[in-house]
Amino acid sequence: MNERKLRTESDSMGAVEIPEEAYWGAQAQRAAANFNVSPLRIPLPFLRALASIKRAAARTNQELGQLDAKIADGIARAASEIVEGKWNEQFPIDVFQTGSGTSWNMNINEVIANRANELLGGSKGSRSPVHPNDHVNKGQSSNDTIPTAMNLAARVEAARLTAALKGLEEGFAAKAEEFDAVLKLGRTHLQDAVPMTLGQELSGYCEQIRKCRMRIERTFPSLEELALGGTALGTGINADPQYAPRTIKALAAEYGIPFRRADNYFEAMGARDSILELAGALNSLAVAFMKIAQDLRLLASGPRSGIGEIQLPTLQPGSSIMPGKVNPVIPEMMIQIAAHVMGKHLSITIACQNAPLELNMMQPLLAHEITSALELLTNAAKAFDERCVRGITAEVAHCRELIDWSLALVTPLALKVGYDRAAKVAHRAYKERKKVREVILEEGILSEAEADAILDPQTMLGRT
């Protein structure tokens, strides 16, 4: 059996043995051992954002005469490899760790330094010519870099989510137009109400998604405020005054997003309200997803003993014991995702409260919860659109049959004979299992022509 090769590196606490193939260093090795409590690791969107910051910072420090061009180039090349996803396995530290995210920051500093030294002809563990603190972390602190990476990643991923929601809107809009003439019953309190069209019903879902998208987009300006340059606690100690504006300008150009320096570093680092604002918008979307998915399950229920006004796409068998049974699997998936995201909102709320004095102390958890919520909702929106909404079909004849049997058809009769008499008609129709029209004609309340006009569902749709 081959023994694993190790190398020795040192930090301020002494020597540490590290796997020879690892690009992380002593501090990351300690953190990986100390915080090994879950399978959760650094979120990849957050990692890419962090690497982008390190790359832009190196170039800025070179421009300011703070870094030798050779060292800056090595850092930038190594950071670019991380952005491209080349070294994802080099980040072994658990989400549940020191609350500032210092371990993640040192992990990437060490990986970049070791890889840059290789690229420049040196070796891992040498700390020369590139040092993880003196060079890769120059002008930075974990306390401003971690919040910056979080906002950057959240802003990028939120844009992906809104693009997916736009597709879902279009899916509902197309179905609303397709079913614009399909008459059906509305329902309030899960009881029969007046007629509407299936298109009208789906148009409500389309608008709900549109407004959720707009709520998310309204958080963009807050997310575009970056704490970079505040360094340890907001004073900017150890950073060149031009470092932050130049680096943020470079990030804005790279991403095509108008990132800017935070209006107040002490707020940006001492609180994480921009993330909480986004989480609130995501929670609203989760609530909307749950409502819409529950509605589609109800409308498709049956198919013979439920409402059965629509059919959802048939994707897979629904039972291991009942042949032919098909379940509303995509809506059920959406409901579970919604519940999960609602839980993340609570987690983020608690995490944002834990910001004693000048620094939030639950940053890694915040990074994990917000990026995973964004990824999950983005994938869910696409699946909902492609595997459910676009394939909805209407049971037109059944919809009309339910309208004809509905007691709610008596509603416009109240304008002619009064509420009390109309209620008596509805009660008799219900007790005798008759249609409202039958009772009206039997009691001579209306002629057949009048009944045709007053009980016409088309006149009850609110259209002019």
Protein backbone atom coordinates (compact mmCIF):
# COMPACT_ATOMS: atom_id res chain seq x y z
CA MET A 1 0.00 0.00 0.00
CA ASN A 2 1.43 3.38 -1.04
CA GLU A 3 1.75 5.95 1.72
CA ARG A 4 0.32 9.37 0.97
CA LYS A 5 3.07 11.89 0.33
CA LEU A 6 3.07 14.94 2.58
CA ARG A 7 4.83 18.27 2.66
CA THR A 8 5.32 20.57 5.61
CA GLU A 9 4.24 24.21 5.71
CA SER A 10 4.19 26.66 8.57
CA ASP A 11 2.01 29.49 9.77
CA SER A 12 2.08 31.65 12.90
CA MET A 13 1.09 28.62 15.01
CA GLY A 14 3.81 26.31 13.73
CA ALA A 15 4.35 23.51 11.23
CA VAL A 16 1.51 21.60 9.53
CA GLU A 17 1.64 18.53 7.29
CA ILE A 18 -0.31 18.88 4.04
CA PRO A 19 -0.96 16.37 1.23
CA GLU A 20 1.70 16.89 -1.41
CA GLU A 21 -0.86 17.28 -4.20
CA ALA A 22 -2.84 19.95 -2.34
CA TYR A 23 -2.55 23.60 -3.34
CA TRP A 24 -3.98 24.86 -0.05
CA GLY A 25 -1.62 25.72 2.76
CA ALA A 26 -1.26 25.57 6.52
CA GLN A 27 -4.23 27.71 7.51
CA ALA A 28 -6.63 25.90 5.21
CA GLN A 29 -5.33 22.56 6.44
CA ARG A 30 -6.06 23.53 10.05
CA ALA A 31 -9.52 24.78 9.13
CA ALA A 32 -10.36 21.64 7.14
CA ALA A 33 -9.55 19.55 10.21
CA ASN A 34 -11.29 21.83 12.70
CA PHE A 35 -14.55 22.30 10.80
CA ASN A 36 -15.22 18.89 9.27
CA VAL A 37 -18.87 18.61 10.35
CA SER A 38 -20.94 18.54 7.14
CA PRO A 39 -20.72 17.65 3.45
CA LEU A 40 -21.22 21.33 2.53
CA ARG A 41 -18.30 23.22 1.00
CA ILE A 42 -17.71 26.65 -0.51
CA PRO A 43 -20.49 27.56 -3.02
CA LEU A 44 -19.03 27.60 -6.51
CA PRO A 45 -20.61 30.93 -7.57
CA PHE A 46 -19.10 32.47 -4.44
CA LEU A 47 -15.73 30.85 -5.17
CA ARG A 48 -15.73 32.24 -8.72
CA ALA A 49 -16.57 35.69 -7.38
CA LEU A 50 -13.80 35.50 -4.79
CA ALA A 51 -11.28 34.48 -7.44
CA SER A 52 -12.40 37.36 -9.68
CA ILE A 53 -11.78 39.76 -6.81
CA LYS A 54 -8.28 38.37 -6.24
CA ARG A 55 -7.48 38.70 -9.96
CA ALA A 56 -8.78 42.27 -10.20
CA ALA A 57 -7.00 43.22 -6.96
CA ALA A 58 -3.67 41.95 -8.27
CA ARG A 59 -3.99 43.99 -11.44
CA THR A 60 -4.95 47.10 -9.46
CA ASN A 61 -2.05 46.68 -7.03
CA GLN A 62 0.29 46.33 -10.01
CA GLU A 63 -1.07 49.56 -11.53
CA LEU A 64 -0.58 51.34 -8.20
CA GLY A 65 3.00 50.14 -7.94
CA GLN A 66 2.15 47.93 -4.99
CA LEU A 67 2.97 44.62 -6.72
CA ASP A 68 5.72 43.53 -9.09
CA ALA A 69 4.31 42.81 -12.56
CA LYS A 70 5.60 39.22 -12.50
CA ILE A 71 3.90 38.49 -9.18
CA ALA A 72 0.66 40.18 -10.25
CA ASP A 73 0.63 38.15 -13.46
CA GLY A 74 1.12 34.90 -11.57
CA ILE A 75 -1.73 35.73 -9.19
CA ALA A 76 -4.02 36.71 -12.06
CA ARG A 77 -3.28 33.53 -14.01
CA ALA A 78 -3.88 31.31 -10.98
CA ALA A 79 -7.09 33.16 -10.11
CA SER A 80 -8.32 32.79 -13.69
CA GLU A 81 -7.89 29.03 -13.44
CA ILE A 82 -10.12 29.04 -10.35
CA VAL A 83 -12.73 31.17 -12.14
CA GLU A 84 -12.71 28.58 -14.93
CA GLY A 85 -13.42 25.80 -12.41
CA LYS A 86 -10.04 24.10 -12.64
CA TRP A 87 -9.34 23.78 -8.90
CA ASN A 88 -12.72 23.27 -7.23
CA GLU A 89 -11.42 20.27 -5.28
CA GLN A 90 -8.79 22.47 -3.62
CA PHE A 91 -11.35 24.02 -1.28
CA PRO A 92 -12.02 21.44 1.46
CA ILE A 93 -13.33 23.72 4.21
CA ASP A 94 -16.83 23.25 5.60
CA VAL A 95 -19.54 25.92 5.33
CA PHE A 96 -19.82 25.76 9.11
CA GLN A 97 -16.61 27.46 10.19
CA THR A 98 -15.32 30.71 11.60
CA GLY A 99 -18.08 33.26 11.13
CA SER A 100 -16.05 35.87 9.24
CA GLY A 101 -15.17 33.46 6.43
CA THR A 102 -11.46 33.99 7.10
CA SER A 103 -10.76 30.31 6.48
CA TRP A 104 -12.23 30.50 2.98
CA ASN A 105 -10.29 33.69 2.28
CA MET A 106 -7.02 32.13 3.40
CA ASN A 107 -7.85 28.94 1.50
CA ILE A 108 -8.04 30.86 -1.79
CA ASN A 109 -5.03 33.02 -0.89
CA GLU A 110 -2.97 29.88 -0.34
CA VAL A 111 -4.22 28.07 -3.44
CA ILE A 112 -3.51 31.09 -5.63
CA ALA A 113 -0.08 31.63 -4.08
CA ASN A 114 0.98 28.01 -4.46
CA ARG A 115 -0.34 27.75 -8.01
CA ALA A 116 1.19 31.10 -8.97
CA ASN A 117 4.55 29.98 -7.62
CA GLU A 118 4.34 26.87 -9.80
CA LEU A 119 3.45 28.98 -12.83
CA LEU A 120 6.43 31.22 -12.09
CA GLY A 121 8.83 28.29 -11.83
CA GLY A 122 8.74 27.79 -8.06
CA SER A 123 7.13 25.10 -5.95
CA LYS A 124 4.14 24.59 -3.67
CA GLY A 125 4.74 25.54 -0.06
CA SER A 126 7.64 27.89 -0.79
CA ARG A 127 5.71 31.15 -0.30
CA SER A 128 8.12 32.63 -2.82
CA PRO A 129 7.97 34.64 -4.95
CA VAL A 130 4.23 34.88 -4.18
CA HIS A 131 3.06 35.08 -0.57
CA PRO A 132 -0.61 34.37 0.30
CA ASN A 133 -0.94 37.31 2.69
CA ASP A 134 1.61 39.85 1.49
CA HIS A 135 0.70 39.57 -2.18
CA VAL A 136 -2.58 37.73 -2.89
CA ASN A 137 -4.40 39.40 0.02
CA LYS A 138 -2.79 42.81 -0.45
CA GLY A 139 -5.13 45.70 0.36
CA GLN A 140 -7.75 43.27 1.59
CA SER A 141 -9.22 41.74 4.71
CA SER A 142 -11.54 38.77 4.97
CA ASN A 143 -13.96 41.26 6.53
CA ASP A 144 -14.44 43.23 3.31
CA THR A 145 -13.55 40.57 0.72
CA ILE A 146 -16.05 37.94 1.88
CA PRO A 147 -19.06 40.34 1.88
CA THR A 148 -17.94 41.64 -1.51
CA ALA A 149 -17.77 38.15 -2.98
CA MET A 150 -21.18 37.37 -1.51
CA ASN A 151 -22.83 40.41 -3.09
CA LEU A 152 -21.07 39.83 -6.39
CA ALA A 153 -22.11 36.18 -6.57
CA ALA A 154 -25.66 36.92 -5.45
CA ARG A 155 -26.05 39.67 -8.05
CA VAL A 156 -24.80 37.45 -10.87
CA GLU A 157 -26.92 34.47 -9.84
CA ALA A 158 -30.00 36.64 -9.25
CA ALA A 159 -29.79 37.78 -12.88
CA ARG A 160 -29.78 34.14 -13.98
CA LEU A 161 -32.88 33.56 -11.88
CA THR A 162 -34.75 36.52 -13.35
CA ALA A 163 -33.95 35.27 -16.85
CA ALA A 164 -35.43 31.87 -15.95
CA LEU A 165 -38.50 33.57 -14.46
CA LYS A 166 -38.95 35.52 -17.67
CA GLY A 167 -39.20 32.20 -19.51
CA LEU A 168 -41.75 30.92 -17.01
CA GLU A 169 -43.79 34.11 -17.44
CA GLU A 170 -43.81 33.55 -21.17
CA GLY A 171 -44.94 29.96 -20.66
CA PHE A 172 -47.91 31.03 -18.55
CA ALA A 173 -48.69 33.90 -20.93
CA ALA A 174 -48.80 31.51 -23.88
CA LYS A 175 -51.16 29.17 -22.04
CA ALA A 176 -53.33 32.08 -20.90
CA GLU A 177 -53.76 33.11 -24.52
CA GLU A 178 -54.37 29.53 -25.67
CA PHE A 179 -57.10 29.00 -23.07
CA ASP A 180 -58.63 32.47 -23.29
CA ALA A 181 -61.98 31.10 -24.50
CA VAL A 182 -62.13 28.01 -22.26
CA LEU A 183 -65.00 28.62 -19.81
CA LYS A 184 -64.60 27.15 -16.33
CA LEU A 185 -65.69 27.66 -12.77
CA GLY A 186 -63.87 29.96 -10.45
CA ARG A 187 -63.59 28.85 -6.84
CA THR A 188 -63.31 30.69 -3.55
CA HIS A 189 -62.85 28.86 -0.22
CA LEU A 190 -62.58 25.75 -2.46
CA GLN A 191 -66.30 26.19 -3.19
CA ASP A 192 -67.90 26.84 -6.56
CA ALA A 193 -67.94 30.51 -7.56
CA VAL A 194 -68.88 32.40 -10.71
CA PRO A 195 -67.53 31.45 -14.15
CA MET A 196 -64.26 32.64 -15.56
CA THR A 197 -61.94 31.40 -18.27
CA LEU A 198 -58.97 29.13 -17.82
CA GLY A 199 -56.94 31.81 -19.57
CA GLN A 200 -57.91 34.35 -16.93
CA GLU A 201 -56.86 31.96 -14.20
CA LEU A 202 -53.45 31.32 -15.76
CA SER A 203 -52.96 35.01 -16.46
CA GLY A 204 -53.02 35.52 -12.69
CA TYR A 205 -50.14 33.09 -12.30
CA CYS A 206 -48.24 34.85 -15.08
CA GLU A 207 -48.63 38.18 -13.33
CA GLN A 208 -47.64 36.70 -9.98
CA ILE A 209 -44.37 35.43 -11.47
CA ARG A 210 -43.77 38.76 -13.21
CA LYS A 211 -44.11 40.66 -9.96
CA CYS A 212 -41.82 38.23 -8.18
CA ARG A 213 -39.23 38.82 -10.88
CA MET A 214 -39.57 42.58 -10.47
CA ARG A 215 -39.14 42.30 -6.69
CA ILE A 216 -35.88 40.44 -7.24
CA GLU A 217 -34.70 43.00 -9.80
CA ARG A 218 -35.40 45.80 -7.33
CA THR A 219 -32.72 44.32 -5.05
CA PHE A 220 -30.01 44.68 -7.71
CA PRO A 221 -28.87 48.20 -6.72
CA SER A 222 -28.38 47.10 -3.10
CA LEU A 223 -26.37 44.05 -4.16
CA GLU A 224 -24.20 46.22 -6.42
CA GLU A 225 -22.82 48.08 -3.38
CA LEU A 226 -19.51 46.42 -2.51
CA ALA A 227 -17.68 46.53 0.82
CA LEU A 228 -14.29 46.16 -0.90
CA GLY A 229 -11.85 48.72 0.46
CA GLY A 230 -13.20 48.74 4.02
CA THR A 231 -10.53 46.17 5.00
CA ALA A 232 -10.63 45.23 8.70
CA LEU A 233 -13.74 47.07 9.93
CA GLY A 234 -14.53 49.90 7.51
CA THR A 235 -11.67 52.36 7.98
CA GLY A 236 -9.72 51.11 4.97
CA ILE A 237 -6.53 50.50 6.96
CA ASN A 238 -3.60 49.07 4.91
CA ALA A 239 -5.30 49.77 1.56
CA ASP A 240 -4.26 52.40 -0.98
CA PRO A 241 -7.05 55.00 -1.37
CA GLN A 242 -7.24 54.20 -5.08
CA TYR A 243 -7.30 50.44 -4.58
CA ALA A 244 -11.05 50.01 -4.04
CA PRO A 245 -12.41 52.33 -6.75
CA ARG A 246 -10.07 50.89 -9.36
CA THR A 247 -10.72 47.26 -8.43
CA ILE A 248 -14.48 47.75 -8.33
CA LYS A 249 -14.34 49.51 -11.70
CA ALA A 250 -12.50 46.48 -13.10
CA LEU A 251 -15.11 44.09 -11.66
CA ALA A 252 -17.92 46.19 -13.10
CA ALA A 253 -16.29 46.04 -16.54
CA GLU A 254 -15.68 42.29 -16.25
CA TYR A 255 -19.28 41.45 -15.34
CA GLY A 256 -21.07 44.24 -17.19
CA ILE A 257 -22.81 45.18 -13.93
CA PRO A 258 -22.60 48.67 -12.35
CA PHE A 259 -20.87 47.66 -9.14
CA ARG A 260 -19.88 50.56 -6.88
CA ARG A 261 -18.30 51.23 -3.54
CA ALA A 262 -20.64 50.95 -0.58
CA ASP A 263 -22.15 54.23 0.56
CA ASN A 264 -20.94 53.41 4.08
CA TYR A 265 -18.38 50.72 4.77
CA PHE A 266 -19.47 50.32 8.38
CA GLU A 267 -23.01 49.43 7.28
CA ALA A 268 -21.83 47.20 4.46
CA MET A 269 -19.57 45.17 6.75
CA GLY A 270 -21.45 45.39 10.03
CA ALA A 271 -24.76 44.34 8.44
CA ARG A 272 -25.81 42.08 5.61
CA ASP A 273 -29.14 43.75 4.86
CA SER A 274 -28.69 43.58 1.10
CA ILE A 275 -28.62 39.79 1.33
CA LEU A 276 -31.65 39.80 3.60
CA GLU A 277 -33.47 42.04 1.12
CA LEU A 278 -32.78 39.54 -1.66
CA ALA A 279 -33.78 36.63 0.58
CA GLY A 280 -37.11 38.34 1.23
CA ALA A 281 -37.75 38.60 -2.51
CA LEU A 282 -36.80 34.93 -2.93
CA ASN A 283 -39.16 34.01 -0.12
CA SER A 284 -41.98 35.78 -1.98
CA LEU A 285 -41.12 33.75 -5.06
CA ALA A 286 -41.15 30.53 -3.03
CA VAL A 287 -44.62 31.42 -1.71
CA ALA A 288 -45.79 32.09 -5.27
CA PHE A 289 -44.36 28.79 -6.50
CA MET A 290 -46.13 26.93 -3.72
CA LYS A 291 -49.48 28.62 -4.40
CA ILE A 292 -49.32 28.05 -8.15
CA ALA A 293 -48.12 24.46 -7.85
CA GLN A 294 -50.84 23.66 -5.32
CA ASP A 295 -53.45 25.20 -7.64
CA LEU A 296 -52.30 23.16 -10.62
CA ARG A 297 -52.49 19.98 -8.52
CA LEU A 298 -56.06 20.82 -7.58
CA LEU A 299 -57.14 21.75 -11.10
CA ALA A 300 -55.66 18.49 -12.43
CA SER A 301 -56.96 16.34 -9.56
CA GLY A 302 -58.79 13.15 -10.42
CA PRO A 303 -58.66 12.55 -13.27
CA ARG A 304 -62.24 11.24 -12.79
CA SER A 305 -63.11 11.95 -9.19
CA GLY A 306 -61.49 15.35 -8.70
CA ILE A 307 -61.75 18.75 -10.37
CA GLY A 308 -60.07 17.52 -13.54
CA GLU A 309 -60.31 20.76 -15.51
CA ILE A 310 -56.76 20.47 -16.83
CA GLN A 311 -54.26 17.75 -17.54
CA LEU A 312 -50.59 18.05 -16.70
CA PRO A 313 -47.86 16.36 -18.75
CA THR A 314 -47.54 12.63 -18.08
CA LEU A 315 -43.92 12.14 -17.07
CA GLN A 316 -43.67 8.88 -15.10
CA PRO A 317 -45.72 6.18 -13.38
CA GLY A 318 -47.16 7.38 -10.09
CA SER A 319 -47.54 4.24 -8.05
CA SER A 320 -45.74 1.00 -7.31
CA ILE A 321 -49.07 -0.75 -6.62
CA MET A 322 -51.77 1.04 -8.68
CA PRO A 323 -51.24 0.48 -12.42
CA GLY A 324 -51.94 3.49 -14.61
CA LYS A 325 -51.78 6.04 -11.81
CA VAL A 326 -49.98 9.27 -12.75
CA ASN A 327 -49.05 11.92 -10.20
CA PRO A 328 -48.44 15.69 -10.56
CA VAL A 329 -44.74 15.21 -9.99
CA ILE A 330 -43.43 18.60 -11.10
CA PRO A 331 -45.86 20.61 -8.95
CA GLU A 332 -44.98 18.35 -6.02
CA MET A 333 -41.30 19.00 -6.67
CA MET A 334 -42.00 22.75 -6.73
CA ILE A 335 -43.85 22.59 -3.41
CA GLN A 336 -40.90 20.89 -1.73
CA ILE A 337 -38.45 23.37 -3.22
CA ALA A 338 -40.61 26.24 -2.01
CA ALA A 339 -40.65 24.85 1.53
CA HIS A 340 -36.86 24.44 1.44
CA VAL A 341 -36.31 28.03 0.28
CA MET A 342 -38.68 29.34 2.95
CA GLY A 343 -36.46 27.60 5.48
CA LYS A 344 -33.42 29.28 3.98
CA HIS A 345 -35.12 32.64 4.39
CA LEU A 346 -35.46 31.99 8.11
CA SER A 347 -31.84 30.86 8.30
CA ILE A 348 -30.70 34.04 6.55
CA THR A 349 -32.87 36.17 8.83
CA ILE A 350 -31.24 34.66 11.92
CA ALA A 351 -27.77 34.94 10.37
CA CYS A 352 -28.25 38.63 9.58
CA GLN A 353 -29.19 39.30 13.20
CA ASN A 354 -25.83 37.95 14.34
CA ALA A 355 -23.73 41.01 13.58
CA PRO A 356 -22.23 42.20 16.86
CA LEU A 357 -20.70 45.65 16.55
CA GLU A 358 -18.60 45.92 13.34
CA LEU A 359 -18.94 42.52 11.64
CA ASN A 360 -21.52 39.89 10.82
CA MET A 361 -20.41 36.57 12.27
CA MET A 362 -22.36 34.15 10.07
CA GLN A 363 -21.00 35.05 6.65
CA PRO A 364 -20.23 31.52 5.38
CA LEU A 365 -23.76 30.38 6.19
CA LEU A 366 -25.17 33.44 4.44
CA ALA A 367 -23.08 32.75 1.35
CA HIS A 368 -24.24 29.14 1.27
CA GLU A 369 -27.92 29.84 1.86
CA ILE A 370 -28.31 32.69 -0.62
CA THR A 371 -26.36 31.09 -3.48
CA SER A 372 -27.99 27.68 -3.03
CA ALA A 373 -31.44 29.28 -2.91
CA LEU A 374 -30.74 31.18 -6.12
CA GLU A 375 -29.44 28.08 -7.90
CA LEU A 376 -32.37 25.95 -6.75
CA LEU A 377 -34.99 28.51 -7.74
CA THR A 378 -33.36 29.06 -11.13
CA ASN A 379 -33.35 25.35 -11.94
CA ALA A 380 -36.88 24.97 -10.58
CA ALA A 381 -38.26 27.81 -12.69
CA LYS A 382 -36.83 26.25 -15.85
CA ALA A 383 -38.17 22.79 -14.98
CA PHE A 384 -41.61 24.15 -14.07
CA ASP A 385 -41.83 25.93 -17.41
CA GLU A 386 -40.44 23.18 -19.63
CA ARG A 387 -41.82 20.05 -17.95
CA CYS A 388 -45.17 21.29 -16.68
CA VAL A 389 -46.59 24.64 -17.77
CA ARG A 390 -45.89 24.33 -21.50
CA GLY A 391 -47.61 20.94 -21.56
CA ILE A 392 -50.87 21.83 -19.80
CA THR A 393 -54.01 20.87 -21.72
CA ALA A 394 -57.61 21.84 -21.01
CA GLU A 395 -60.58 19.50 -20.47
CA VAL A 396 -62.95 21.86 -22.29
CA ALA A 397 -66.13 19.75 -22.20
CA HIS A 398 -65.69 18.88 -18.52
CA CYS A 399 -65.12 22.52 -17.66
CA ARG A 400 -68.42 23.46 -19.31
CA GLU A 401 -70.25 20.61 -17.63
CA LEU A 402 -69.16 21.84 -14.22
CA ILE A 403 -70.35 25.35 -15.05
CA ASP A 404 -73.80 24.06 -16.01
CA TRP A 405 -74.09 22.30 -12.65
CA SER A 406 -72.79 25.21 -10.64
CA LEU A 407 -75.06 26.93 -8.12
CA ALA A 408 -73.03 30.11 -8.60
CA LEU A 409 -74.86 30.73 -11.89
CA VAL A 410 -77.60 32.16 -9.73
CA THR A 411 -75.41 35.21 -8.94
CA PRO A 412 -76.65 37.52 -11.77
CA LEU A 413 -80.25 36.48 -10.99
CA ALA A 414 -79.95 38.41 -7.70
CA LEU A 415 -79.90 41.66 -9.68
CA LYS A 416 -83.33 40.84 -11.09
CA VAL A 417 -85.17 39.11 -8.20
CA GLY A 418 -83.07 40.06 -5.16
CA TYR A 419 -80.49 38.22 -3.07
CA ASP A 420 -82.94 36.30 -0.84
CA ARG A 421 -85.02 34.82 -3.64
CA ALA A 422 -81.91 33.94 -5.65
CA ALA A 423 -80.52 32.19 -2.57
CA LYS A 424 -83.71 30.12 -2.29
CA VAL A 425 -83.33 29.05 -5.92
CA ALA A 426 -79.75 27.96 -5.24
CA HIS A 427 -80.78 26.08 -2.10
CA ARG A 428 -83.56 24.20 -3.90
CA ALA A 429 -81.26 23.33 -6.81
CA TYR A 430 -78.74 21.94 -4.37
CA LYS A 431 -81.22 19.91 -2.30
CA GLU A 432 -83.00 18.46 -5.34
CA ARG A 433 -79.80 17.95 -7.36
CA LYS A 434 -81.09 20.11 -10.19
CA LYS A 435 -79.46 22.75 -12.31
CA VAL A 436 -80.20 26.37 -11.46
CA ARG A 437 -81.75 26.84 -14.87
CA GLU A 438 -84.23 24.00 -14.25
CA VAL A 439 -85.46 25.53 -10.99
CA ILE A 440 -85.78 29.00 -12.49
CA LEU A 441 -87.91 27.69 -15.34
CA GLU A 442 -90.00 25.44 -13.09
CA GLU A 443 -90.82 28.35 -10.78
CA GLY A 444 -91.56 30.66 -13.72
CA ILE A 445 -89.04 33.22 -12.55
CA LEU A 446 -87.70 33.74 -16.06
CA SER A 447 -88.68 32.78 -19.56
CA GLU A 448 -86.37 30.51 -21.51
CA ALA A 449 -85.04 33.49 -23.47
CA GLU A 450 -84.43 35.46 -20.28
CA ALA A 451 -82.74 32.47 -18.67
CA ASP A 452 -80.49 32.08 -21.71
CA ALA A 453 -79.44 35.71 -21.46
CA ILE A 454 -79.03 36.04 -17.70
CA LEU A 455 -77.40 32.64 -17.14
CA ASP A 456 -74.97 32.92 -20.06
CA PRO A 457 -71.50 32.41 -18.53
CA GLN A 458 -69.97 34.68 -21.18
CA THR A 459 -71.75 37.65 -19.58
CA MET A 460 -70.10 36.94 -16.22
CA LEU A 461 -66.45 37.24 -17.33
CA GLY A 462 -66.00 40.95 -16.63
CA ARG A 463 -65.25 41.70 -20.28
CA THR A 464 -66.60 44.67 -22.19
